[in-house]
Amino acid sequence: MLLTWRRWRKGRPFWGGLAAVVAGAEICAIPLAPLKIMLQQGIAGIPSVLMGLVMIVMGLSAWFAPHYRGLAGVLTVLCAAAALVMSNLGGFLIGTVIGILGGSMIFAWQPVAAEPVPSAAPGAAREPGGGTPAPSEP
C-alpha cells in the first residue's frame, strides 16, 4: 500500500498541487466570516471564493491529470496574483505566497523518464555472422 502511494505521488506534481489546494482553501476561507462581517463586505467576497475554488480545482487537476500541469500552474499563479488585489491581500499574503509557490512547482514539474533497459553484457552471445551489423542500403 505504501509503495503504491509513493509511486502515485511521484508520478505527478503532488507538492505543488497540495500547495495550490491549501492556498485556494485559505483564500476561500477568509471571506467566509460571520454573517455580520460578510454583510459589510458585500459583493467583494464573491471573487475571493471564486478564485479560491479555481485554485483548488487547478491543484486537483495537477494530481489527477498531470498532463495539464502547464495550464494548471499558470492559472494557479494568475489567480494567486489576482487574489492579492481582489481578496483581502490574497488571504493576508499567506494564500498568495503559497499559491504562487504551488503554481510554480506545478508548472516546473517534469515526469520521471523511464529507466533504460540494460544492454547485453560484454561476454554475452552475439548474433551469428561476426556480431557487427551489416550496413543498411538506402
N, C-alpha and C. Protein backbone atom coordinates (compact mmCIF):
# COMPACT_ATOMS: atom_id res chain seq x y z
N MET A 1 0.82 -1.19 0.00
CA MET A 1 0.00 0.00 0.00
C MET A 1 0.87 1.26 0.00
N LEU A 2 1.88 1.27 0.86
CA LEU A 2 2.76 2.43 0.94
C LEU A 2 3.54 2.62 -0.36
N LEU A 3 3.95 1.51 -0.97
CA LEU A 3 4.68 1.59 -2.23
C LEU A 3 3.78 2.14 -3.35
N THR A 4 2.53 1.74 -3.34
CA THR A 4 1.58 2.25 -4.33
C THR A 4 1.38 3.75 -4.16
N TRP A 5 1.26 4.20 -2.91
CA TRP A 5 1.11 5.63 -2.62
C TRP A 5 2.32 6.42 -3.11
N ARG A 6 3.51 5.91 -2.83
CA ARG A 6 4.73 6.61 -3.26
C ARG A 6 4.81 6.69 -4.77
N ARG A 7 4.47 5.61 -5.45
CA ARG A 7 4.51 5.60 -6.92
C ARG A 7 3.52 6.61 -7.48
N TRP A 8 2.31 6.65 -6.90
CA TRP A 8 1.30 7.61 -7.37
C TRP A 8 1.76 9.03 -7.13
N ARG A 9 2.31 9.29 -5.94
CA ARG A 9 2.75 10.64 -5.58
C ARG A 9 3.89 11.11 -6.46
N LYS A 10 4.83 10.22 -6.77
CA LYS A 10 5.98 10.63 -7.58
C LYS A 10 5.63 10.77 -9.06
N GLY A 11 4.50 10.25 -9.48
CA GLY A 11 4.10 10.32 -10.88
C GLY A 11 3.33 11.57 -11.24
N ARG A 12 3.29 12.54 -10.35
CA ARG A 12 2.54 13.77 -10.60
C ARG A 12 3.10 14.90 -9.73
N PRO A 13 2.75 16.15 -10.01
CA PRO A 13 3.26 17.26 -9.19
C PRO A 13 2.51 17.36 -7.86
N PHE A 14 2.78 16.43 -6.97
CA PHE A 14 1.99 16.30 -5.74
C PHE A 14 2.13 17.51 -4.83
N TRP A 15 3.35 17.92 -4.53
CA TRP A 15 3.54 19.02 -3.56
C TRP A 15 3.04 20.35 -4.11
N GLY A 16 3.20 20.59 -5.39
CA GLY A 16 2.65 21.81 -5.98
C GLY A 16 1.13 21.81 -5.93
N GLY A 17 0.52 20.64 -6.22
CA GLY A 17 -0.93 20.54 -6.15
C GLY A 17 -1.44 20.73 -4.73
N LEU A 18 -0.71 20.18 -3.76
CA LEU A 18 -1.10 20.34 -2.36
C LEU A 18 -1.02 21.81 -1.95
N ALA A 19 0.03 22.50 -2.37
CA ALA A 19 0.16 23.92 -2.05
C ALA A 19 -0.95 24.72 -2.70
N ALA A 20 -1.33 24.39 -3.93
CA ALA A 20 -2.42 25.11 -4.61
C ALA A 20 -3.75 24.88 -3.90
N VAL A 21 -4.01 23.65 -3.46
CA VAL A 21 -5.25 23.36 -2.74
C VAL A 21 -5.29 24.10 -1.41
N VAL A 22 -4.18 24.10 -0.69
CA VAL A 22 -4.13 24.79 0.61
C VAL A 22 -4.30 26.30 0.42
N ALA A 23 -3.64 26.86 -0.58
CA ALA A 23 -3.76 28.31 -0.83
C ALA A 23 -5.18 28.67 -1.24
N GLY A 24 -5.78 27.85 -2.09
CA GLY A 24 -7.16 28.11 -2.51
C GLY A 24 -8.13 28.02 -1.34
N ALA A 25 -7.93 27.03 -0.48
CA ALA A 25 -8.80 26.90 0.69
C ALA A 25 -8.62 28.08 1.64
N GLU A 26 -7.40 28.56 1.77
CA GLU A 26 -7.16 29.70 2.65
C GLU A 26 -7.78 30.98 2.09
N ILE A 27 -7.69 31.17 0.79
CA ILE A 27 -8.29 32.36 0.17
C ILE A 27 -9.80 32.28 0.23
N CYS A 28 -10.36 31.07 0.08
CA CYS A 28 -11.81 30.90 0.19
C CYS A 28 -12.30 31.13 1.62
N ALA A 29 -11.52 30.72 2.60
CA ALA A 29 -11.97 30.76 4.00
C ALA A 29 -11.99 32.16 4.57
N ILE A 30 -11.15 33.05 4.10
CA ILE A 30 -11.08 34.39 4.68
C ILE A 30 -12.41 35.14 4.53
N PRO A 31 -13.05 35.16 3.35
CA PRO A 31 -14.31 35.90 3.27
C PRO A 31 -15.50 35.18 3.91
N LEU A 32 -15.34 33.91 4.28
CA LEU A 32 -16.44 33.19 4.90
C LEU A 32 -16.46 33.44 6.41
N ALA A 33 -16.50 34.69 6.74
CA ALA A 33 -16.51 35.13 8.14
C ALA A 33 -17.95 35.07 8.67
N PRO A 34 -18.16 35.44 9.90
CA PRO A 34 -19.53 35.51 10.41
C PRO A 34 -20.41 36.43 9.57
N LEU A 35 -21.70 36.23 9.65
CA LEU A 35 -22.65 36.92 8.78
C LEU A 35 -22.56 38.44 8.91
N LYS A 36 -22.32 38.94 10.11
CA LYS A 36 -22.24 40.39 10.31
C LYS A 36 -21.10 41.00 9.50
N ILE A 37 -19.97 40.31 9.47
CA ILE A 37 -18.82 40.81 8.69
C ILE A 37 -19.06 40.62 7.20
N MET A 38 -19.69 39.50 6.82
CA MET A 38 -19.97 39.25 5.40
C MET A 38 -20.89 40.31 4.82
N LEU A 39 -21.87 40.78 5.60
CA LEU A 39 -22.77 41.82 5.11
C LEU A 39 -22.02 43.13 4.90
N GLN A 40 -20.99 43.39 5.67
CA GLN A 40 -20.20 44.60 5.48
C GLN A 40 -19.32 44.49 4.24
N GLN A 41 -18.87 43.26 3.93
CA GLN A 41 -18.04 43.08 2.73
C GLN A 41 -18.84 43.28 1.47
N GLY A 42 -20.06 42.82 1.46
CA GLY A 42 -20.90 42.95 0.28
C GLY A 42 -20.45 42.01 -0.81
N ILE A 43 -20.42 42.50 -2.03
CA ILE A 43 -20.11 41.69 -3.20
C ILE A 43 -18.62 41.37 -3.31
N ALA A 44 -17.80 42.00 -2.49
CA ALA A 44 -16.35 41.80 -2.58
C ALA A 44 -15.92 40.39 -2.19
N GLY A 45 -16.74 39.66 -1.46
CA GLY A 45 -16.37 38.31 -1.06
C GLY A 45 -16.51 37.28 -2.16
N ILE A 46 -17.31 37.58 -3.19
CA ILE A 46 -17.55 36.60 -4.26
C ILE A 46 -16.29 36.32 -5.07
N PRO A 47 -15.51 37.31 -5.52
CA PRO A 47 -14.28 36.97 -6.25
C PRO A 47 -13.30 36.15 -5.43
N SER A 48 -13.28 36.38 -4.13
CA SER A 48 -12.37 35.61 -3.28
C SER A 48 -12.74 34.13 -3.31
N VAL A 49 -13.99 33.84 -3.17
CA VAL A 49 -14.44 32.45 -3.18
C VAL A 49 -14.21 31.83 -4.55
N LEU A 50 -14.50 32.56 -5.61
CA LEU A 50 -14.31 32.02 -6.96
C LEU A 50 -12.83 31.76 -7.27
N MET A 51 -11.97 32.68 -6.91
CA MET A 51 -10.53 32.47 -7.16
C MET A 51 -9.99 31.32 -6.33
N GLY A 52 -10.46 31.22 -5.11
CA GLY A 52 -10.04 30.11 -4.27
C GLY A 52 -10.50 28.77 -4.84
N LEU A 53 -11.73 28.72 -5.35
CA LEU A 53 -12.22 27.48 -5.95
C LEU A 53 -11.44 27.11 -7.21
N VAL A 54 -11.10 28.12 -8.02
CA VAL A 54 -10.30 27.84 -9.22
C VAL A 54 -8.93 27.28 -8.82
N MET A 55 -8.33 27.84 -7.78
CA MET A 55 -7.03 27.33 -7.34
C MET A 55 -7.13 25.91 -6.80
N ILE A 56 -8.21 25.60 -6.10
CA ILE A 56 -8.41 24.23 -5.61
C ILE A 56 -8.58 23.27 -6.77
N VAL A 57 -9.36 23.66 -7.77
CA VAL A 57 -9.57 22.80 -8.95
C VAL A 57 -8.26 22.61 -9.71
N MET A 58 -7.45 23.65 -9.82
CA MET A 58 -6.17 23.51 -10.53
C MET A 58 -5.21 22.60 -9.75
N GLY A 59 -5.22 22.68 -8.44
CA GLY A 59 -4.39 21.78 -7.64
C GLY A 59 -4.83 20.33 -7.80
N LEU A 60 -6.13 20.09 -7.82
CA LEU A 60 -6.64 18.73 -8.01
C LEU A 60 -6.38 18.23 -9.42
N SER A 61 -6.46 19.12 -10.41
CA SER A 61 -6.16 18.68 -11.78
C SER A 61 -4.68 18.36 -11.95
N ALA A 62 -3.83 19.01 -11.19
CA ALA A 62 -2.40 18.65 -11.23
C ALA A 62 -2.20 17.24 -10.69
N TRP A 63 -3.01 16.83 -9.72
CA TRP A 63 -2.91 15.48 -9.17
C TRP A 63 -3.49 14.43 -10.11
N PHE A 64 -4.68 14.70 -10.62
CA PHE A 64 -5.41 13.66 -11.34
C PHE A 64 -5.29 13.74 -12.86
N ALA A 65 -4.75 14.82 -13.38
CA ALA A 65 -4.49 14.96 -14.82
C ALA A 65 -3.16 15.71 -14.98
N PRO A 66 -2.04 15.05 -14.64
CA PRO A 66 -0.75 15.77 -14.65
C PRO A 66 -0.32 16.26 -16.02
N HIS A 67 -0.92 15.76 -17.09
CA HIS A 67 -0.53 16.25 -18.42
C HIS A 67 -1.02 17.68 -18.66
N TYR A 68 -1.91 18.20 -17.80
CA TYR A 68 -2.35 19.59 -17.89
C TYR A 68 -1.60 20.48 -16.91
N ARG A 69 -0.42 20.06 -16.51
CA ARG A 69 0.32 20.78 -15.47
C ARG A 69 0.70 22.19 -15.89
N GLY A 70 0.97 22.42 -17.16
CA GLY A 70 1.35 23.77 -17.62
C GLY A 70 0.21 24.75 -17.42
N LEU A 71 -0.97 24.38 -17.89
CA LEU A 71 -2.14 25.23 -17.73
C LEU A 71 -2.50 25.41 -16.26
N ALA A 72 -2.46 24.32 -15.51
CA ALA A 72 -2.82 24.40 -14.09
C ALA A 72 -1.84 25.29 -13.33
N GLY A 73 -0.56 25.20 -13.62
CA GLY A 73 0.43 26.03 -12.94
C GLY A 73 0.26 27.50 -13.25
N VAL A 74 0.06 27.82 -14.52
CA VAL A 74 -0.09 29.23 -14.91
C VAL A 74 -1.37 29.82 -14.32
N LEU A 75 -2.48 29.09 -14.39
CA LEU A 75 -3.73 29.61 -13.83
C LEU A 75 -3.66 29.76 -12.31
N THR A 76 -2.95 28.87 -11.66
CA THR A 76 -2.80 28.99 -10.21
C THR A 76 -2.02 30.25 -9.85
N VAL A 77 -0.93 30.50 -10.56
CA VAL A 77 -0.14 31.71 -10.29
C VAL A 77 -0.95 32.97 -10.60
N LEU A 78 -1.70 32.96 -11.69
CA LEU A 78 -2.50 34.14 -12.04
C LEU A 78 -3.60 34.40 -11.01
N CYS A 79 -4.27 33.35 -10.57
CA CYS A 79 -5.31 33.53 -9.55
C CYS A 79 -4.71 33.99 -8.22
N ALA A 80 -3.56 33.46 -7.87
CA ALA A 80 -2.92 33.88 -6.63
C ALA A 80 -2.50 35.34 -6.70
N ALA A 81 -2.00 35.76 -7.84
CA ALA A 81 -1.61 37.17 -8.00
C ALA A 81 -2.83 38.08 -8.02
N ALA A 82 -3.92 37.64 -8.66
CA ALA A 82 -5.14 38.44 -8.69
C ALA A 82 -5.77 38.53 -7.30
N ALA A 83 -5.63 37.48 -6.52
CA ALA A 83 -6.19 37.48 -5.17
C ALA A 83 -5.51 38.53 -4.29
N LEU A 84 -4.30 38.87 -4.62
CA LEU A 84 -3.59 39.91 -3.85
C LEU A 84 -4.36 41.21 -3.89
N VAL A 85 -4.95 41.52 -5.04
CA VAL A 85 -5.68 42.77 -5.21
C VAL A 85 -7.15 42.62 -4.84
N MET A 86 -7.75 41.47 -5.20
CA MET A 86 -9.20 41.32 -5.11
C MET A 86 -9.68 40.64 -3.83
N SER A 87 -8.80 40.08 -3.04
CA SER A 87 -9.27 39.26 -1.93
C SER A 87 -8.44 39.50 -0.66
N ASN A 88 -8.72 40.55 0.05
CA ASN A 88 -8.07 40.77 1.35
C ASN A 88 -6.57 40.54 1.31
N LEU A 89 -5.89 41.16 0.40
CA LEU A 89 -4.46 40.98 0.21
C LEU A 89 -4.10 39.51 0.00
N GLY A 90 -4.93 38.81 -0.75
CA GLY A 90 -4.64 37.41 -1.06
C GLY A 90 -4.65 36.53 0.15
N GLY A 91 -5.65 36.67 0.99
CA GLY A 91 -5.67 35.88 2.21
C GLY A 91 -4.59 36.32 3.17
N PHE A 92 -4.46 37.62 3.31
CA PHE A 92 -3.43 38.23 4.17
C PHE A 92 -2.03 37.78 3.76
N LEU A 93 -1.77 37.77 2.49
CA LEU A 93 -0.50 37.42 1.84
C LEU A 93 -0.14 35.94 1.93
N ILE A 94 -0.71 35.21 2.86
CA ILE A 94 -0.37 33.79 3.01
C ILE A 94 -0.85 33.00 1.80
N GLY A 95 -2.10 33.20 1.40
CA GLY A 95 -2.65 32.48 0.26
C GLY A 95 -1.95 32.82 -1.04
N THR A 96 -1.60 34.09 -1.21
CA THR A 96 -0.91 34.49 -2.44
C THR A 96 0.48 33.87 -2.52
N VAL A 97 1.23 33.92 -1.45
CA VAL A 97 2.59 33.37 -1.47
C VAL A 97 2.56 31.86 -1.69
N ILE A 98 1.70 31.16 -0.95
CA ILE A 98 1.62 29.71 -1.11
C ILE A 98 1.09 29.36 -2.50
N GLY A 99 0.14 30.13 -3.02
CA GLY A 99 -0.40 29.87 -4.36
C GLY A 99 0.64 30.08 -5.45
N ILE A 100 1.44 31.11 -5.34
CA ILE A 100 2.48 31.36 -6.34
C ILE A 100 3.54 30.26 -6.28
N LEU A 101 3.92 29.85 -5.09
CA LEU A 101 4.90 28.76 -4.97
C LEU A 101 4.32 27.44 -5.50
N GLY A 102 3.08 27.15 -5.15
CA GLY A 102 2.45 25.92 -5.63
C GLY A 102 2.28 25.91 -7.14
N GLY A 103 1.83 27.01 -7.71
CA GLY A 103 1.68 27.09 -9.17
C GLY A 103 3.02 26.96 -9.88
N SER A 104 4.05 27.53 -9.28
CA SER A 104 5.39 27.41 -9.87
C SER A 104 5.89 25.97 -9.82
N MET A 105 5.62 25.29 -8.70
CA MET A 105 6.04 23.89 -8.60
C MET A 105 5.26 23.01 -9.58
N ILE A 106 3.97 23.31 -9.77
CA ILE A 106 3.18 22.55 -10.74
C ILE A 106 3.74 22.76 -12.14
N PHE A 107 4.01 24.00 -12.50
CA PHE A 107 4.49 24.30 -13.85
C PHE A 107 5.87 23.71 -14.10
N ALA A 108 6.73 23.71 -13.10
CA ALA A 108 8.11 23.27 -13.28
C ALA A 108 8.27 21.75 -13.21
N TRP A 109 7.28 21.03 -12.74
CA TRP A 109 7.41 19.58 -12.56
C TRP A 109 7.55 18.89 -13.90
N GLN A 110 8.43 17.91 -13.95
CA GLN A 110 8.64 17.10 -15.15
C GLN A 110 8.48 15.63 -14.77
N PRO A 111 7.83 14.83 -15.61
CA PRO A 111 7.71 13.40 -15.28
C PRO A 111 9.08 12.73 -15.31
N VAL A 112 9.22 11.72 -14.48
CA VAL A 112 10.47 10.97 -14.42
C VAL A 112 10.55 10.08 -15.64
N ALA A 113 11.69 10.12 -16.32
CA ALA A 113 11.87 9.29 -17.50
C ALA A 113 12.02 7.84 -17.07
N ALA A 114 11.52 6.93 -17.91
CA ALA A 114 11.65 5.51 -17.61
C ALA A 114 13.12 5.10 -17.66
N GLU A 115 13.49 4.16 -16.82
CA GLU A 115 14.87 3.71 -16.79
C GLU A 115 15.18 2.93 -18.06
N PRO A 116 16.37 3.15 -18.66
CA PRO A 116 16.71 2.43 -19.88
C PRO A 116 16.93 0.95 -19.60
N VAL A 117 16.64 0.14 -20.60
CA VAL A 117 16.84 -1.30 -20.48
C VAL A 117 18.34 -1.56 -20.54
N PRO A 118 18.88 -2.33 -19.60
CA PRO A 118 20.33 -2.57 -19.62
C PRO A 118 20.72 -3.34 -20.88
N SER A 119 21.87 -2.94 -21.45
CA SER A 119 22.36 -3.60 -22.67
C SER A 119 22.99 -4.94 -22.30
N ALA A 120 23.26 -5.73 -23.33
CA ALA A 120 23.84 -7.05 -23.11
C ALA A 120 25.24 -6.93 -22.52
N ALA A 121 25.60 -7.87 -21.70
CA ALA A 121 26.94 -7.88 -21.09
C ALA A 121 28.00 -8.10 -22.16
N PRO A 122 29.23 -7.64 -21.93
CA PRO A 122 30.28 -7.76 -22.95
C PRO A 122 30.57 -9.21 -23.36
N GLY A 123 30.41 -10.16 -22.49
CA GLY A 123 30.72 -11.55 -22.84
C GLY A 123 29.50 -12.33 -23.30
N ALA A 124 28.39 -11.66 -23.54
CA ALA A 124 27.16 -12.36 -23.92
C ALA A 124 27.26 -12.84 -25.36
N ALA A 125 26.39 -13.77 -25.69
CA ALA A 125 26.36 -14.33 -27.05
C ALA A 125 25.98 -13.25 -28.04
N ARG A 126 26.64 -13.29 -29.20
CA ARG A 126 26.38 -12.30 -30.24
C ARG A 126 25.61 -12.94 -31.38
N GLU A 127 25.15 -12.08 -32.26
CA GLU A 127 24.42 -12.57 -33.42
C GLU A 127 25.36 -13.38 -34.32
N PRO A 128 24.82 -14.38 -35.00
CA PRO A 128 25.68 -15.14 -35.92
C PRO A 128 26.17 -14.25 -37.05
N GLY A 129 27.36 -14.48 -37.45
CA GLY A 129 27.91 -13.73 -38.58
C GLY A 129 28.93 -12.71 -38.14
N GLY A 130 29.44 -12.78 -36.94
CA GLY A 130 30.51 -11.90 -36.55
C GLY A 130 30.14 -10.86 -35.53
N GLY A 131 28.88 -10.54 -35.37
CA GLY A 131 28.47 -9.64 -34.33
C GLY A 131 28.37 -8.20 -34.76
N THR A 132 28.95 -7.79 -35.88
CA THR A 132 28.80 -6.42 -36.32
C THR A 132 27.69 -6.38 -37.36
N PRO A 133 26.76 -5.50 -37.20
CA PRO A 133 25.66 -5.45 -38.16
C PRO A 133 26.12 -4.95 -39.51
N ALA A 134 25.53 -5.50 -40.55
CA ALA A 134 25.85 -5.07 -41.90
C ALA A 134 25.26 -3.71 -42.15
N PRO A 135 25.96 -2.85 -42.91
CA PRO A 135 25.42 -1.53 -43.20
C PRO A 135 24.17 -1.66 -44.05
N SER A 136 23.18 -0.86 -43.72
CA SER A 136 21.93 -0.91 -44.49
C SER A 136 22.08 -0.08 -45.75
N GLU A 137 21.44 -0.56 -46.80
CA GLU A 137 21.50 0.15 -48.09
C GLU A 137 20.35 1.12 -48.16
N PRO A 138 20.57 2.27 -48.80
CA PRO A 138 19.49 3.27 -48.89
C PRO A 138 18.40 2.88 -49.84
